[in-house]
């Protein structure tokens, strides 16, 4: 492992422990911190997989994750891409995934 602060962003099928977990998530989370655990504000953080034609963004699974370790602190975390005003003119969502935006402070 690098001695330097590390940040890694994932859109993967290693479902976090908030959705019962998988072995791959457990392996990663054993070495890295999940920003959602520190700055998620108690929101479920589900980001996948909404029906593109649905009138509301209806994600049910959390697979988009921001990990960090070392001298890094998660300050904020926001789920983005669920604003109905951002749908295409034909009413489709731009993606079946929402995004995760985390503000990380790097320091000593």
C-alpha atoms as a PDB file:
ATOM      1  CA  UNK A   1       0.000   0.000   0.000  1.00  0.00           C
ATOM      2  CA  UNK A   2       1.174   3.502  -0.792  1.00  0.00           C
ATOM      3  CA  UNK A   3       2.096   5.734   2.156  1.00  0.00           C
ATOM      4  CA  UNK A   4       0.297   8.608   0.400  1.00  0.00           C
ATOM      5  CA  UNK A   5      -3.377   9.557   0.829  1.00  0.00           C
ATOM      6  CA  UNK A   6      -5.500   7.611  -1.631  1.00  0.00           C
ATOM      7  CA  UNK A   7      -8.908   8.134  -3.215  1.00  0.00           C
ATOM      8  CA  UNK A   8     -10.651   5.632  -5.482  1.00  0.00           C
ATOM      9  CA  UNK A   9     -14.061   5.992  -7.122  1.00  0.00           C
ATOM     10  CA  UNK A  10     -15.995   2.894  -8.165  1.00  0.00           C
ATOM     11  CA  UNK A  11     -19.049   2.059 -10.191  1.00  0.00           C
ATOM     12  CA  UNK A  12     -18.999  -1.653  -9.732  1.00  0.00           C
ATOM     13  CA  UNK A  13     -20.942  -4.671  -8.710  1.00  0.00           C
ATOM     14  CA  UNK A  14     -19.234  -4.919  -5.339  1.00  0.00           C
ATOM     15  CA  UNK A  15     -22.375  -3.935  -3.472  1.00  0.00           C
ATOM     16  CA  UNK A  16     -21.554  -2.138  -0.206  1.00  0.00           C
ATOM     17  CA  UNK A  17     -22.443  -3.583   3.168  1.00  0.00           C
ATOM     18  CA  UNK A  18     -25.474  -1.263   3.312  1.00  0.00           C
ATOM     19  CA  UNK A  19     -27.082  -3.641   0.799  1.00  0.00           C
ATOM     20  CA  UNK A  20     -25.977  -6.895   2.486  1.00  0.00           C
ATOM     21  CA  UNK A  21     -22.489  -6.767   1.046  1.00  0.00           C
ATOM     22  CA  UNK A  22     -20.432  -8.953  -1.224  1.00  0.00           C
ATOM     23  CA  UNK A  23     -17.027 -10.558  -0.730  1.00  0.00           C
ATOM     24  CA  UNK A  24     -15.395  -8.092  -3.158  1.00  0.00           C
ATOM     25  CA  UNK A  25     -16.728  -5.074  -1.253  1.00  0.00           C
ATOM     26  CA  UNK A  26     -15.549  -6.577   2.046  1.00  0.00           C
ATOM     27  CA  UNK A  27     -12.025  -7.032   0.660  1.00  0.00           C
ATOM     28  CA  UNK A  28     -11.855  -3.424  -0.578  1.00  0.00           C
ATOM     29  CA  UNK A  29     -13.515  -1.947   2.526  1.00  0.00           C
ATOM     30  CA  UNK A  30     -11.041  -3.827   4.709  1.00  0.00           C
ATOM     31  CA  UNK A  31      -8.261  -1.566   3.325  1.00  0.00           C
ATOM     32  CA  UNK A  32     -10.155   1.600   2.356  1.00  0.00           C
ATOM     33  CA  UNK A  33     -12.820   3.780   3.978  1.00  0.00           C
ATOM     34  CA  UNK A  34     -16.205   4.264   2.307  1.00  0.00           C
ATOM     35  CA  UNK A  35     -16.974   8.024   2.098  1.00  0.00           C
ATOM     36  CA  UNK A  36     -20.682   7.253   2.509  1.00  0.00           C
ATOM     37  CA  UNK A  37     -20.032   5.835   5.986  1.00  0.00           C
ATOM     38  CA  UNK A  38     -18.454   9.150   7.012  1.00  0.00           C
ATOM     39  CA  UNK A  39     -20.453  11.789   5.141  1.00  0.00           C
ATOM     40  CA  UNK A  40     -23.603  10.088   3.823  1.00  0.00           C
ATOM     41  CA  UNK A  41     -25.817  11.821   6.364  1.00  0.00           C
ATOM     42  CA  UNK A  42     -27.896   8.728   7.003  1.00  0.00           C
ATOM     43  CA  UNK A  43     -29.264   8.648   3.437  1.00  0.00           C
ATOM     44  CA  UNK A  44     -29.275   5.180   1.823  1.00  0.00           C
ATOM     45  CA  UNK A  45     -27.123   6.371  -1.093  1.00  0.00           C
ATOM     46  CA  UNK A  46     -28.735   4.111  -3.689  1.00  0.00           C
ATOM     47  CA  UNK A  47     -27.494   4.902  -7.191  1.00  0.00           C
ATOM     48  CA  UNK A  48     -28.532   2.045  -9.469  1.00  0.00           C
ATOM     49  CA  UNK A  49     -30.397   0.969 -11.562  1.00  0.00           C
ATOM     50  CA  UNK A  50     -33.349   3.142 -12.450  1.00  0.00           C
ATOM     51  CA  UNK A  51     -35.605   2.474 -15.404  1.00  0.00           C
ATOM     52  CA  UNK A  52     -34.707   5.175 -17.938  1.00  0.00           C
ATOM     53  CA  UNK A  53     -38.412   5.666 -18.764  1.00  0.00           C
ATOM     54  CA  UNK A  54     -39.623   5.917 -15.178  1.00  0.00           C
ATOM     55  CA  UNK A  55     -41.226   9.246 -14.196  1.00  0.00           C
ATOM     56  CA  UNK A  56     -39.106   9.262 -11.015  1.00  0.00           C
ATOM     57  CA  UNK A  57     -35.542   8.108 -10.475  1.00  0.00           C
ATOM     58  CA  UNK A  58     -36.056   4.765  -8.728  1.00  0.00           C
ATOM     59  CA  UNK A  59     -32.645   3.305  -7.931  1.00  0.00           C
ATOM     60  CA  UNK A  60     -32.664   0.426  -5.480  1.00  0.00           C
ATOM     61  CA  UNK A  61     -29.016  -0.602  -5.141  1.00  0.00           C
ATOM     62  CA  UNK A  62     -25.885   1.168  -3.993  1.00  0.00           C
ATOM     63  CA  UNK A  63     -22.962   0.262  -6.246  1.00  0.00           C
ATOM     64  CA  UNK A  64     -21.330   3.646  -6.931  1.00  0.00           C
ATOM     65  CA  UNK A  65     -18.797   4.254  -4.183  1.00  0.00           C
ATOM     66  CA  UNK A  66     -16.007   6.672  -3.232  1.00  0.00           C
ATOM     67  CA  UNK A  67     -13.244   5.042  -1.181  1.00  0.00           C
ATOM     68  CA  UNK A  68     -10.302   6.689   0.579  1.00  0.00           C
ATOM     69  CA  UNK A  69      -7.541   6.000   3.077  1.00  0.00           C
ATOM     70  CA  UNK A  70      -4.724   7.769   4.836  1.00  0.00           C
ATOM     71  CA  UNK A  71      -4.771  11.446   5.672  1.00  0.00           C
ATOM     72  CA  UNK A  72      -8.107  12.001   3.934  1.00  0.00           C
ATOM     73  CA  UNK A  73     -11.416  13.020   5.465  1.00  0.00           C
ATOM     74  CA  UNK A  74     -14.821  12.789   3.776  1.00  0.00           C
ATOM     75  CA  UNK A  75     -16.554  16.112   4.403  1.00  0.00           C
ATOM     76  CA  UNK A  76     -19.659  15.868   2.229  1.00  0.00           C
ATOM     77  CA  UNK A  77     -21.316  13.328  -0.010  1.00  0.00           C
ATOM     78  CA  UNK A  78     -24.127  13.953  -2.464  1.00  0.00           C
ATOM     79  CA  UNK A  79     -26.069  11.754  -4.872  1.00  0.00           C
ATOM     80  CA  UNK A  80     -26.469  13.580  -8.211  1.00  0.00           C
ATOM     81  CA  UNK A  81     -28.291  12.905 -11.463  1.00  0.00           C
ATOM     82  CA  UNK A  82     -31.761  12.440 -10.001  1.00  0.00           C
ATOM     83  CA  UNK A  83     -33.101  15.898 -10.931  1.00  0.00           C
ATOM     84  CA  UNK A  84     -36.163  15.534 -13.169  1.00  0.00           C
ATOM     85  CA  UNK A  85     -35.256  18.781 -14.946  1.00  0.00           C
ATOM     86  CA  UNK A  86     -32.185  17.011 -16.394  1.00  0.00           C
ATOM     87  CA  UNK A  87     -34.189  14.388 -18.271  1.00  0.00           C
ATOM     88  CA  UNK A  88     -33.957  14.318 -22.063  1.00  0.00           C
ATOM     89  CA  UNK A  89     -36.618  16.089 -24.154  1.00  0.00           C
ATOM     90  CA  UNK A  90     -38.237  12.669 -24.706  1.00  0.00           C
ATOM     91  CA  UNK A  91     -38.458  12.135 -20.935  1.00  0.00           C
ATOM     92  CA  UNK A  92     -35.609   9.664 -20.463  1.00  0.00           C
ATOM     93  CA  UNK A  93     -33.109   9.815 -17.609  1.00  0.00           C
ATOM     94  CA  UNK A  94     -29.566  10.431 -18.933  1.00  0.00           C
ATOM     95  CA  UNK A  95     -28.345   7.280 -17.163  1.00  0.00           C
ATOM     96  CA  UNK A  96     -29.664   4.389 -15.115  1.00  0.00           C
ATOM     97  CA  UNK A  97     -27.067   5.315 -12.464  1.00  0.00           C
ATOM     98  CA  UNK A  98     -26.952   8.383 -10.269  1.00  0.00           C
ATOM     99  CA  UNK A  99     -23.547   9.837  -9.526  1.00  0.00           C
ATOM    100  CA  UNK A 100     -21.732  10.211  -6.227  1.00  0.00           C
ATOM    101  CA  UNK A 101     -19.930  13.475  -5.494  1.00  0.00           C
ATOM    102  CA  UNK A 102     -17.770  13.515  -2.386  1.00  0.00           C
ATOM    103  CA  UNK A 103     -15.765  16.397  -1.002  1.00  0.00           C
ATOM    104  CA  UNK A 104     -12.572  14.996   0.455  1.00  0.00           C
ATOM    105  CA  UNK A 105     -10.110  16.973   2.525  1.00  0.00           C
ATOM    106  CA  UNK A 106      -6.503  15.865   2.239  1.00  0.00           C
ATOM    107  CA  UNK A 107      -4.245  16.755   5.094  1.00  0.00           C
ATOM    108  CA  UNK A 108      -2.006  15.465   7.799  1.00  0.00           C
END
